[in-house]
Amino acid sequence: SASFAVVTGSRCRDNGPPVRWDLLAHSVDTLVVYMGIGRLEAIREE
């Protein structure tokens, strides 16, 4: 792994831009998700 990214699994405002899981799936080697346990299944599926 030569790169990592941190991302939030939840957002405090529904009108915020969506997390770009399409880019994160392949743009970094290691992905760290904060506040994501409640949305683990959705993150996994994305």
All heavy atoms as atom14 arrays in JSON, in Angstrom:
{
  "sequence": "SASFAVVTGSRCRDNGPPVRWDLLAHSVDTLVVYMGIGRLEAIREE",
  "atom14_mask": [
    [1, 1, 1, 1, 1, 1, 0, 0, 0, 0, 0, 0, 0, 0],
    [1, 1, 1, 1, 1, 0, 0, 0, 0, 0, 0, 0, 0, 0],
    [1, 1, 1, 1, 1, 1, 0, 0, 0, 0, 0, 0, 0, 0],
    [1, 1, 1, 1, 1, 1, 1, 1, 1, 1, 1, 0, 0, 0],
    [1, 1, 1, 1, 1, 0, 0, 0, 0, 0, 0, 0, 0, 0],
    [1, 1, 1, 1, 1, 1, 1, 0, 0, 0, 0, 0, 0, 0],
    [1, 1, 1, 1, 1, 1, 1, 0, 0, 0, 0, 0, 0, 0],
    [1, 1, 1, 1, 1, 1, 1, 0, 0, 0, 0, 0, 0, 0],
    [1, 1, 1, 1, 0, 0, 0, 0, 0, 0, 0, 0, 0, 0],
    [1, 1, 1, 1, 1, 1, 0, 0, 0, 0, 0, 0, 0, 0],
    [1, 1, 1, 1, 1, 1, 1, 1, 1, 1, 1, 0, 0, 0],
    [1, 1, 1, 1, 1, 1, 0, 0, 0, 0, 0, 0, 0, 0],
    [1, 1, 1, 1, 1, 1, 1, 1, 1, 1, 1, 0, 0, 0],
    [1, 1, 1, 1, 1, 1, 1, 1, 0, 0, 0, 0, 0, 0],
    [1, 1, 1, 1, 1, 1, 1, 1, 0, 0, 0, 0, 0, 0],
    [1, 1, 1, 1, 0, 0, 0, 0, 0, 0, 0, 0, 0, 0],
    [1, 1, 1, 1, 1, 1, 1, 0, 0, 0, 0, 0, 0, 0],
    [1, 1, 1, 1, 1, 1, 1, 0, 0, 0, 0, 0, 0, 0],
    [1, 1, 1, 1, 1, 1, 1, 0, 0, 0, 0, 0, 0, 0],
    [1, 1, 1, 1, 1, 1, 1, 1, 1, 1, 1, 0, 0, 0],
    [1, 1, 1, 1, 1, 1, 1, 1, 1, 1, 1, 1, 1, 1],
    [1, 1, 1, 1, 1, 1, 1, 1, 0, 0, 0, 0, 0, 0],
    [1, 1, 1, 1, 1, 1, 1, 1, 0, 0, 0, 0, 0, 0],
    [1, 1, 1, 1, 1, 1, 1, 1, 0, 0, 0, 0, 0, 0],
    [1, 1, 1, 1, 1, 0, 0, 0, 0, 0, 0, 0, 0, 0],
    [1, 1, 1, 1, 1, 1, 1, 1, 1, 1, 0, 0, 0, 0],
    [1, 1, 1, 1, 1, 1, 0, 0, 0, 0, 0, 0, 0, 0],
    [1, 1, 1, 1, 1, 1, 1, 0, 0, 0, 0, 0, 0, 0],
    [1, 1, 1, 1, 1, 1, 1, 1, 0, 0, 0, 0, 0, 0],
    [1, 1, 1, 1, 1, 1, 1, 0, 0, 0, 0, 0, 0, 0],
    [1, 1, 1, 1, 1, 1, 1, 1, 0, 0, 0, 0, 0, 0],
    [1, 1, 1, 1, 1, 1, 1, 0, 0, 0, 0, 0, 0, 0],
    [1, 1, 1, 1, 1, 1, 1, 0, 0, 0, 0, 0, 0, 0],
    [1, 1, 1, 1, 1, 1, 1, 1, 1, 1, 1, 1, 0, 0],
    [1, 1, 1, 1, 1, 1, 1, 1, 0, 0, 0, 0, 0, 0],
    [1, 1, 1, 1, 0, 0, 0, 0, 0, 0, 0, 0, 0, 0],
    [1, 1, 1, 1, 1, 1, 1, 1, 0, 0, 0, 0, 0, 0],
    [1, 1, 1, 1, 0, 0, 0, 0, 0, 0, 0, 0, 0, 0],
    [1, 1, 1, 1, 1, 1, 1, 1, 1, 1, 1, 0, 0, 0],
    [1, 1, 1, 1, 1, 1, 1, 1, 0, 0, 0, 0, 0, 0],
    [1, 1, 1, 1, 1, 1, 1, 1, 1, 0, 0, 0, 0, 0],
    [1, 1, 1, 1, 1, 0, 0, 0, 0, 0, 0, 0, 0, 0],
    [1, 1, 1, 1, 1, 1, 1, 1, 0, 0, 0, 0, 0, 0],
    [1, 1, 1, 1, 1, 1, 1, 1, 1, 1, 1, 0, 0, 0],
    [1, 1, 1, 1, 1, 1, 1, 1, 1, 0, 0, 0, 0, 0],
    [1, 1, 1, 1, 1, 1, 1, 1, 1, 0, 0, 0, 0, 0]
  ],
  "atom14_positions": [
    [[0.84, -1.2, 0.0], [0.0, 0.0, 0.0], [0.87, 1.24, 0.0], [1.69, 1.44, 0.9], [-0.92, 0.02, 1.23], [-1.6, 1.25, 1.33], [0.0, 0.0, 0.0], [0.0, 0.0, 0.0], [0.0, 0.0, 0.0], [0.0, 0.0, 0.0], [0.0, 0.0, 0.0], [0.0, 0.0, 0.0], [0.0, 0.0, 0.0], [0.0, 0.0, 0.0]],
    [[0.67, 2.08, -1.01], [1.41, 3.34, -1.11], [0.51, 4.54, -0.88], [0.94, 5.68, -1.01], [2.07, 3.46, -2.48], [0.0, 0.0, 0.0], [0.0, 0.0, 0.0], [0.0, 0.0, 0.0], [0.0, 0.0, 0.0], [0.0, 0.0, 0.0], [0.0, 0.0, 0.0], [0.0, 0.0, 0.0], [0.0, 0.0, 0.0], [0.0, 0.0, 0.0]],
    [[-0.76, 4.29, -0.52], [-1.7, 5.4, -0.31], [-2.83, 4.95, 0.59], [-3.14, 3.76, 0.69], [-2.27, 5.87, -1.65], [-3.0, 4.83, -2.27], [0.0, 0.0, 0.0], [0.0, 0.0, 0.0], [0.0, 0.0, 0.0], [0.0, 0.0, 0.0], [0.0, 0.0, 0.0], [0.0, 0.0, 0.0], [0.0, 0.0, 0.0], [0.0, 0.0, 0.0]],
    [[-3.43, 5.92, 1.28], [-4.64, 5.62, 2.04], [-5.53, 6.85, 2.05], [-5.07, 7.98, 1.85], [-4.32, 5.16, 3.47], [-3.78, 6.22, 4.39], [-4.63, 6.98, 5.19], [-2.41, 6.45, 4.48], [-4.13, 7.94, 6.04], [-1.9, 7.4, 5.34], [-2.76, 8.16, 6.13], [0.0, 0.0, 0.0], [0.0, 0.0, 0.0], [0.0, 0.0, 0.0]],
    [[-6.8, 6.62, 2.27], [-7.78, 7.7, 2.35], [-8.67, 7.47, 3.55], [-8.94, 6.33, 3.94], [-8.62, 7.75, 1.08], [0.0, 0.0, 0.0], [0.0, 0.0, 0.0], [0.0, 0.0, 0.0], [0.0, 0.0, 0.0], [0.0, 0.0, 0.0], [0.0, 0.0, 0.0], [0.0, 0.0, 0.0], [0.0, 0.0, 0.0], [0.0, 0.0, 0.0]],
    [[-9.12, 8.57, 4.15], [-10.1, 8.5, 5.23], [-11.39, 9.14, 4.73], [-11.36, 10.15, 4.03], [-9.6, 9.18, 6.51], [-8.4, 8.43, 7.07], [-9.25, 10.63, 6.27], [0.0, 0.0, 0.0], [0.0, 0.0, 0.0], [0.0, 0.0, 0.0], [0.0, 0.0, 0.0], [0.0, 0.0, 0.0], [0.0, 0.0, 0.0], [0.0, 0.0, 0.0]],
    [[-12.51, 8.55, 5.1], [-13.8, 9.02, 4.61], [-14.84, 8.78, 5.7], [-14.69, 7.86, 6.51], [-14.18, 8.29, 3.3], [-14.3, 6.8, 3.51], [-15.45, 8.85, 2.69], [0.0, 0.0, 0.0], [0.0, 0.0, 0.0], [0.0, 0.0, 0.0], [0.0, 0.0, 0.0], [0.0, 0.0, 0.0], [0.0, 0.0, 0.0], [0.0, 0.0, 0.0]],
    [[-15.85, 9.6, 5.75], [-16.92, 9.4, 6.69], [-17.99, 8.5, 6.09], [-18.34, 8.63, 4.92], [-17.55, 10.73, 7.14], [-18.65, 10.46, 8.01], [-18.03, 11.54, 5.96], [0.0, 0.0, 0.0], [0.0, 0.0, 0.0], [0.0, 0.0, 0.0], [0.0, 0.0, 0.0], [0.0, 0.0, 0.0], [0.0, 0.0, 0.0], [0.0, 0.0, 0.0]],
    [[-18.5, 7.6, 6.91], [-19.57, 6.71, 6.45], [-20.94, 7.3, 6.64], [-21.94, 6.75, 6.18], [0.0, 0.0, 0.0], [0.0, 0.0, 0.0], [0.0, 0.0, 0.0], [0.0, 0.0, 0.0], [0.0, 0.0, 0.0], [0.0, 0.0, 0.0], [0.0, 0.0, 0.0], [0.0, 0.0, 0.0], [0.0, 0.0, 0.0], [0.0, 0.0, 0.0]],
    [[-21.04, 8.44, 7.33], [-22.32, 9.1, 7.54], [-22.13, 10.59, 7.33], [-21.03, 11.11, 7.36], [-22.84, 8.84, 8.95], [-21.95, 9.38, 9.91], [0.0, 0.0, 0.0], [0.0, 0.0, 0.0], [0.0, 0.0, 0.0], [0.0, 0.0, 0.0], [0.0, 0.0, 0.0], [0.0, 0.0, 0.0], [0.0, 0.0, 0.0], [0.0, 0.0, 0.0]],
    [[-23.23, 11.27, 7.12], [-23.18, 12.72, 6.91], [-24.23, 13.37, 7.8], [-25.3, 12.84, 8.02], [-23.45, 13.08, 5.45], [-22.31, 12.67, 4.54], [-22.53, 13.19, 3.12], [-21.4, 12.85, 2.26], [-20.28, 13.54, 2.18], [-20.13, 14.63, 2.9], [-19.31, 13.17, 1.38], [0.0, 0.0, 0.0], [0.0, 0.0, 0.0], [0.0, 0.0, 0.0]],
    [[-23.88, 14.56, 8.3], [-24.81, 15.24, 9.2], [-25.9, 15.95, 8.43], [-26.92, 16.34, 9.01], [-24.06, 16.22, 10.1], [-23.2, 17.55, 9.22], [0.0, 0.0, 0.0], [0.0, 0.0, 0.0], [0.0, 0.0, 0.0], [0.0, 0.0, 0.0], [0.0, 0.0, 0.0], [0.0, 0.0, 0.0], [0.0, 0.0, 0.0], [0.0, 0.0, 0.0]],
    [[-25.72, 16.15, 7.13], [-26.75, 16.82, 6.34], [-27.08, 15.96, 5.13], [-26.21, 15.53, 4.39], [-26.26, 18.19, 5.87], [-26.01, 19.19, 7.0], [-25.62, 20.54, 6.44], [-25.41, 21.52, 7.49], [-24.25, 21.73, 8.1], [-23.21, 21.0, 7.77], [-24.13, 22.63, 9.04], [0.0, 0.0, 0.0], [0.0, 0.0, 0.0], [0.0, 0.0, 0.0]],
    [[-28.35, 15.73, 4.92], [-28.78, 14.88, 3.83], [-28.47, 15.49, 2.47], [-28.38, 14.77, 1.47], [-30.29, 14.6, 3.93], [-30.62, 13.74, 5.13], [-29.73, 13.01, 5.59], [-31.76, 13.82, 5.6], [0.0, 0.0, 0.0], [0.0, 0.0, 0.0], [0.0, 0.0, 0.0], [0.0, 0.0, 0.0], [0.0, 0.0, 0.0], [0.0, 0.0, 0.0]],
    [[-28.32, 16.81, 2.41], [-28.1, 17.45, 1.12], [-26.61, 17.55, 0.76], [-26.25, 18.2, -0.22], [-28.72, 18.85, 1.1], [-28.12, 19.77, 2.16], [-27.32, 19.34, 2.98], [-28.51, 21.04, 2.14], [0.0, 0.0, 0.0], [0.0, 0.0, 0.0], [0.0, 0.0, 0.0], [0.0, 0.0, 0.0], [0.0, 0.0, 0.0], [0.0, 0.0, 0.0]],
    [[-25.74, 16.91, 1.55], [-24.33, 16.93, 1.22], [-24.02, 16.06, 0.01], [-24.81, 15.17, -0.33], [0.0, 0.0, 0.0], [0.0, 0.0, 0.0], [0.0, 0.0, 0.0], [0.0, 0.0, 0.0], [0.0, 0.0, 0.0], [0.0, 0.0, 0.0], [0.0, 0.0, 0.0], [0.0, 0.0, 0.0], [0.0, 0.0, 0.0], [0.0, 0.0, 0.0]],
    [[-22.91, 16.3, -0.66], [-22.54, 15.47, -1.81], [-22.31, 14.03, -1.39], [-21.81, 13.77, -0.29], [-21.25, 16.12, -2.32], [-20.69, 16.84, -1.14], [-21.87, 17.31, -0.35], [0.0, 0.0, 0.0], [0.0, 0.0, 0.0], [0.0, 0.0, 0.0], [0.0, 0.0, 0.0], [0.0, 0.0, 0.0], [0.0, 0.0, 0.0], [0.0, 0.0, 0.0]],
    [[-22.69, 13.08, -2.21], [-22.52, 11.67, -1.85], [-21.05, 11.27, -1.81], [-20.22, 11.85, -2.5], [-23.26, 10.93, -2.96], [-23.2, 11.86, -4.14], [-23.27, 13.25, -3.56], [0.0, 0.0, 0.0], [0.0, 0.0, 0.0], [0.0, 0.0, 0.0], [0.0, 0.0, 0.0], [0.0, 0.0, 0.0], [0.0, 0.0, 0.0], [0.0, 0.0, 0.0]],
    [[-20.74, 10.29, -0.99], [-19.39, 9.72, -0.98], [-19.16, 9.02, -2.31], [-19.99, 8.22, -2.76], [-19.22, 8.74, 0.2], [-17.85, 8.08, 0.15], [-19.42, 9.47, 1.53], [0.0, 0.0, 0.0], [0.0, 0.0, 0.0], [0.0, 0.0, 0.0], [0.0, 0.0, 0.0], [0.0, 0.0, 0.0], [0.0, 0.0, 0.0], [0.0, 0.0, 0.0]],
    [[-18.02, 9.27, -2.94], [-17.73, 8.68, -4.25], [-17.09, 7.31, -4.07], [-15.9, 7.11, -4.27], [-16.82, 9.62, -5.04], [-17.48, 10.93, -5.43], [-18.67, 10.72, -6.4], [-18.28, 9.98, -7.58], [-17.79, 10.57, -8.69], [-17.65, 11.89, -8.74], [-17.45, 9.85, -9.74], [0.0, 0.0, 0.0], [0.0, 0.0, 0.0], [0.0, 0.0, 0.0]],
    [[-17.92, 6.33, -3.71], [-17.42, 4.98, -3.54], [-16.89, 4.41, -4.84], [-16.0, 3.55, -4.84], [-18.53, 4.08, -2.99], [-19.03, 4.51, -1.65], [-20.24, 5.05, -1.36], [-18.3, 4.48, -0.41], [-20.34, 5.35, -0.03], [-19.17, 5.0, 0.59], [-17.03, 4.05, -0.04], [-18.79, 5.11, 1.93], [-16.66, 4.15, 1.29], [-17.52, 4.67, 2.25]],
    [[-17.4, 4.9, -5.97], [-16.91, 4.43, -7.27], [-15.44, 4.78, -7.46], [-14.68, 4.0, -8.05], [-17.76, 5.01, -8.41], [-17.82, 6.53, -8.38], [-17.73, 7.12, -7.29], [-17.97, 7.13, -9.47], [0.0, 0.0, 0.0], [0.0, 0.0, 0.0], [0.0, 0.0, 0.0], [0.0, 0.0, 0.0], [0.0, 0.0, 0.0], [0.0, 0.0, 0.0]],
    [[-15.04, 5.95, -6.96], [-13.63, 6.35, -7.06], [-12.79, 5.71, -5.95], [-11.68, 5.24, -6.2], [-13.51, 7.87, -6.98], [-14.23, 8.67, -8.06], [-14.03, 10.16, -7.83], [-13.73, 8.28, -9.45], [0.0, 0.0, 0.0], [0.0, 0.0, 0.0], [0.0, 0.0, 0.0], [0.0, 0.0, 0.0], [0.0, 0.0, 0.0], [0.0, 0.0, 0.0]],
    [[-13.33, 5.66, -4.75], [-12.57, 5.12, -3.61], [-12.3, 3.63, -3.75], [-11.33, 3.11, -3.2], [-13.33, 5.4, -2.32], [-13.4, 6.87, -1.89], [-14.4, 7.05, -0.76], [-12.02, 7.35, -1.48], [0.0, 0.0, 0.0], [0.0, 0.0, 0.0], [0.0, 0.0, 0.0], [0.0, 0.0, 0.0], [0.0, 0.0, 0.0], [0.0, 0.0, 0.0]],
    [[-13.14, 2.93, -4.5], [-12.97, 1.48, -4.65], [-11.63, 1.14, -5.3], [-11.08, 0.05, -5.05], [-14.11, 0.91, -5.48], [0.0, 0.0, 0.0], [0.0, 0.0, 0.0], [0.0, 0.0, 0.0], [0.0, 0.0, 0.0], [0.0, 0.0, 0.0], [0.0, 0.0, 0.0], [0.0, 0.0, 0.0], [0.0, 0.0, 0.0], [0.0, 0.0, 0.0]],
    [[-11.07, 2.07, -6.1], [-9.86, 1.73, -6.84], [-8.77, 2.81, -6.8], [-7.66, 2.55, -7.26], [-10.21, 1.45, -8.31], [-11.19, 0.33, -8.48], [-10.86, -0.99, -8.26], [-12.51, 0.35, -8.82], [-11.93, -1.75, -8.47], [-12.94, -0.97, -8.81], [0.0, 0.0, 0.0], [0.0, 0.0, 0.0], [0.0, 0.0, 0.0], [0.0, 0.0, 0.0]],
    [[-9.06, 3.98, -6.25], [-8.09, 5.08, -6.33], [-7.06, 5.07, -5.21], [-6.03, 5.73, -5.31], [-8.82, 6.42, -6.34], [-9.59, 6.57, -5.15], [0.0, 0.0, 0.0], [0.0, 0.0, 0.0], [0.0, 0.0, 0.0], [0.0, 0.0, 0.0], [0.0, 0.0, 0.0], [0.0, 0.0, 0.0], [0.0, 0.0, 0.0], [0.0, 0.0, 0.0]],
    [[-7.32, 4.34, -4.12], [-6.36, 4.25, -3.01], [-6.18, 2.79, -2.62], [-7.03, 1.95, -2.89], [-6.82, 5.07, -1.79], [-6.85, 6.55, -2.1], [-8.17, 4.6, -1.29], [0.0, 0.0, 0.0], [0.0, 0.0, 0.0], [0.0, 0.0, 0.0], [0.0, 0.0, 0.0], [0.0, 0.0, 0.0], [0.0, 0.0, 0.0], [0.0, 0.0, 0.0]],
    [[-5.05, 2.52, -1.97], [-4.75, 1.14, -1.58], [-5.44, 0.74, -0.28], [-5.9, -0.4, -0.14], [-3.23, 0.97, -1.43], [-2.5, 1.21, -2.74], [-2.98, 0.73, -3.77], [-1.46, 1.89, -2.72], [0.0, 0.0, 0.0], [0.0, 0.0, 0.0], [0.0, 0.0, 0.0], [0.0, 0.0, 0.0], [0.0, 0.0, 0.0], [0.0, 0.0, 0.0]],
    [[-5.48, 1.65, 0.68], [-6.11, 1.37, 1.97], [-7.19, 2.42, 2.23], [-6.95, 3.61, 2.07], [-5.09, 1.4, 3.12], [-3.99, 0.54, 2.8], [-5.71, 0.96, 4.43], [0.0, 0.0, 0.0], [0.0, 0.0, 0.0], [0.0, 0.0, 0.0], [0.0, 0.0, 0.0], [0.0, 0.0, 0.0], [0.0, 0.0, 0.0], [0.0, 0.0, 0.0]],
    [[-8.35, 1.96, 2.65], [-9.48, 2.85, 2.89], [-9.89, 2.74, 4.35], [-10.1, 1.64, 4.87], [-10.64, 2.46, 1.98], [-11.9, 3.33, 2.02], [-11.58, 4.77, 1.62], [-12.96, 2.75, 1.08], [0.0, 0.0, 0.0], [0.0, 0.0, 0.0], [0.0, 0.0, 0.0], [0.0, 0.0, 0.0], [0.0, 0.0, 0.0], [0.0, 0.0, 0.0]],
    [[-9.99, 3.89, 5.02], [-10.41, 3.93, 6.42], [-11.72, 4.7, 6.5], [-11.79, 5.85, 6.06], [-9.35, 4.59, 7.32], [-9.78, 4.54, 8.78], [-7.99, 3.93, 7.14], [0.0, 0.0, 0.0], [0.0, 0.0, 0.0], [0.0, 0.0, 0.0], [0.0, 0.0, 0.0], [0.0, 0.0, 0.0], [0.0, 0.0, 0.0], [0.0, 0.0, 0.0]],
    [[-12.72, 4.07, 7.08], [-14.05, 4.69, 7.16], [-14.37, 5.0, 8.61], [-14.41, 4.12, 9.47], [-15.13, 3.75, 6.58], [-16.49, 4.47, 6.57], [-14.75, 3.29, 5.18], [0.0, 0.0, 0.0], [0.0, 0.0, 0.0], [0.0, 0.0, 0.0], [0.0, 0.0, 0.0], [0.0, 0.0, 0.0], [0.0, 0.0, 0.0], [0.0, 0.0, 0.0]],
    [[-14.6, 6.29, 8.89], [-15.08, 6.74, 10.19], [-16.61, 6.65, 10.22], [-17.27, 6.84, 9.2], [-14.71, 8.2, 10.43], [-13.27, 8.5, 10.73], [-12.26, 8.26, 9.81], [-12.91, 9.11, 11.93], [-10.94, 8.59, 10.08], [-11.6, 9.44, 12.21], [-10.62, 9.18, 11.29], [-9.32, 9.51, 11.55], [0.0, 0.0, 0.0], [0.0, 0.0, 0.0]],
    [[-17.16, 6.45, 11.39], [-18.62, 6.54, 11.6], [-19.39, 5.74, 10.56], [-20.41, 6.18, 10.03], [-19.06, 8.01, 11.57], [-18.39, 8.86, 12.64], [-18.62, 10.64, 12.42], [-17.42, 10.99, 11.11], [0.0, 0.0, 0.0], [0.0, 0.0, 0.0], [0.0, 0.0, 0.0], [0.0, 0.0, 0.0], [0.0, 0.0, 0.0], [0.0, 0.0, 0.0]],
    [[-18.91, 4.53, 10.29], [-19.53, 3.74, 9.24], [-20.19, 2.45, 9.68], [-20.77, 1.75, 8.85], [0.0, 0.0, 0.0], [0.0, 0.0, 0.0], [0.0, 0.0, 0.0], [0.0, 0.0, 0.0], [0.0, 0.0, 0.0], [0.0, 0.0, 0.0], [0.0, 0.0, 0.0], [0.0, 0.0, 0.0], [0.0, 0.0, 0.0], [0.0, 0.0, 0.0]],
    [[-20.11, 2.11, 10.96], [-20.63, 0.81, 11.41], [-22.13, 0.7, 11.14], [-22.63, -0.34, 10.72], [-20.33, 0.59, 12.9], [-18.82, 0.39, 13.1], [-21.08, -0.62, 13.43], [-18.24, -0.79, 12.35], [0.0, 0.0, 0.0], [0.0, 0.0, 0.0], [0.0, 0.0, 0.0], [0.0, 0.0, 0.0], [0.0, 0.0, 0.0], [0.0, 0.0, 0.0]],
    [[-22.85, 1.78, 11.36], [-24.29, 1.74, 11.12], [-24.67, 1.59, 9.67], [-25.8, 1.21, 9.35], [0.0, 0.0, 0.0], [0.0, 0.0, 0.0], [0.0, 0.0, 0.0], [0.0, 0.0, 0.0], [0.0, 0.0, 0.0], [0.0, 0.0, 0.0], [0.0, 0.0, 0.0], [0.0, 0.0, 0.0], [0.0, 0.0, 0.0], [0.0, 0.0, 0.0]],
    [[-23.72, 1.86, 8.77], [-23.97, 1.74, 7.33], [-23.04, 0.73, 6.69], [-22.77, 0.79, 5.49], [-23.8, 3.1, 6.65], [-24.78, 4.17, 7.14], [-24.77, 5.39, 6.23], [-25.29, 5.07, 4.91], [-24.56, 5.04, 3.8], [-23.24, 5.27, 3.86], [-25.1, 4.76, 2.64], [0.0, 0.0, 0.0], [0.0, 0.0, 0.0], [0.0, 0.0, 0.0]],
    [[-22.54, -0.19, 7.5], [-21.55, -1.14, 7.0], [-22.06, -1.93, 5.79], [-21.33, -2.08, 4.8], [-21.14, -2.1, 8.12], [-20.14, -3.19, 7.74], [-18.85, -2.6, 7.21], [-19.86, -4.09, 8.95], [0.0, 0.0, 0.0], [0.0, 0.0, 0.0], [0.0, 0.0, 0.0], [0.0, 0.0, 0.0], [0.0, 0.0, 0.0], [0.0, 0.0, 0.0]],
    [[-23.26, -2.4, 5.84], [-23.78, -3.21, 4.74], [-23.89, -2.38, 3.46], [-23.54, -2.85, 2.37], [-25.13, -3.8, 5.11], [-25.69, -4.79, 4.09], [-24.77, -5.99, 3.86], [-24.0, -6.33, 4.77], [-24.84, -6.58, 2.77], [0.0, 0.0, 0.0], [0.0, 0.0, 0.0], [0.0, 0.0, 0.0], [0.0, 0.0, 0.0], [0.0, 0.0, 0.0]],
    [[-24.34, -1.13, 3.57], [-24.45, -0.27, 2.4], [-23.08, 0.05, 1.82], [-22.89, 0.05, 0.59], [-25.18, 1.02, 2.76], [0.0, 0.0, 0.0], [0.0, 0.0, 0.0], [0.0, 0.0, 0.0], [0.0, 0.0, 0.0], [0.0, 0.0, 0.0], [0.0, 0.0, 0.0], [0.0, 0.0, 0.0], [0.0, 0.0, 0.0], [0.0, 0.0, 0.0]],
    [[-22.1, 0.29, 2.69], [-20.73, 0.58, 2.23], [-20.16, -0.64, 1.52], [-19.55, -0.53, 0.44], [-19.85, 0.98, 3.42], [-20.31, 2.34, 3.97], [-18.38, 1.03, 3.03], [-19.69, 2.68, 5.32], [0.0, 0.0, 0.0], [0.0, 0.0, 0.0], [0.0, 0.0, 0.0], [0.0, 0.0, 0.0], [0.0, 0.0, 0.0], [0.0, 0.0, 0.0]],
    [[-20.35, -1.79, 2.11], [-19.87, -3.04, 1.52], [-20.48, -3.25, 0.13], [-19.76, -3.57, -0.83], [-20.24, -4.2, 2.45], [-19.63, -5.54, 2.11], [-20.22, -6.62, 3.01], [-21.56, -6.96, 2.6], [-21.84, -7.87, 1.67], [-20.87, -8.53, 1.05], [-23.08, -8.13, 1.34], [0.0, 0.0, 0.0], [0.0, 0.0, 0.0], [0.0, 0.0, 0.0]],
    [[-21.77, -3.04, 0.0], [-22.44, -3.24, -1.28], [-21.96, -2.24, -2.33], [-21.8, -2.59, -3.51], [-23.95, -3.13, -1.09], [-24.56, -4.29, -0.32], [-26.05, -4.12, -0.09], [-26.59, -3.06, -0.5], [-26.67, -5.04, 0.49], [0.0, 0.0, 0.0], [0.0, 0.0, 0.0], [0.0, 0.0, 0.0], [0.0, 0.0, 0.0], [0.0, 0.0, 0.0]],
    [[-21.71, -1.0, -1.91], [-21.23, 0.01, -2.85], [-19.85, -0.36, -3.4], [-19.6, -0.28, -4.61], [-21.16, 1.38, -2.17], [-22.48, 2.05, -1.94], [-23.09, 2.54, -3.24], [-22.5, 3.39, -3.91], [-24.18, 2.04, -3.61], [0.0, 0.0, 0.0], [0.0, 0.0, 0.0], [0.0, 0.0, 0.0], [0.0, 0.0, 0.0], [0.0, 0.0, 0.0]]
  ]
}
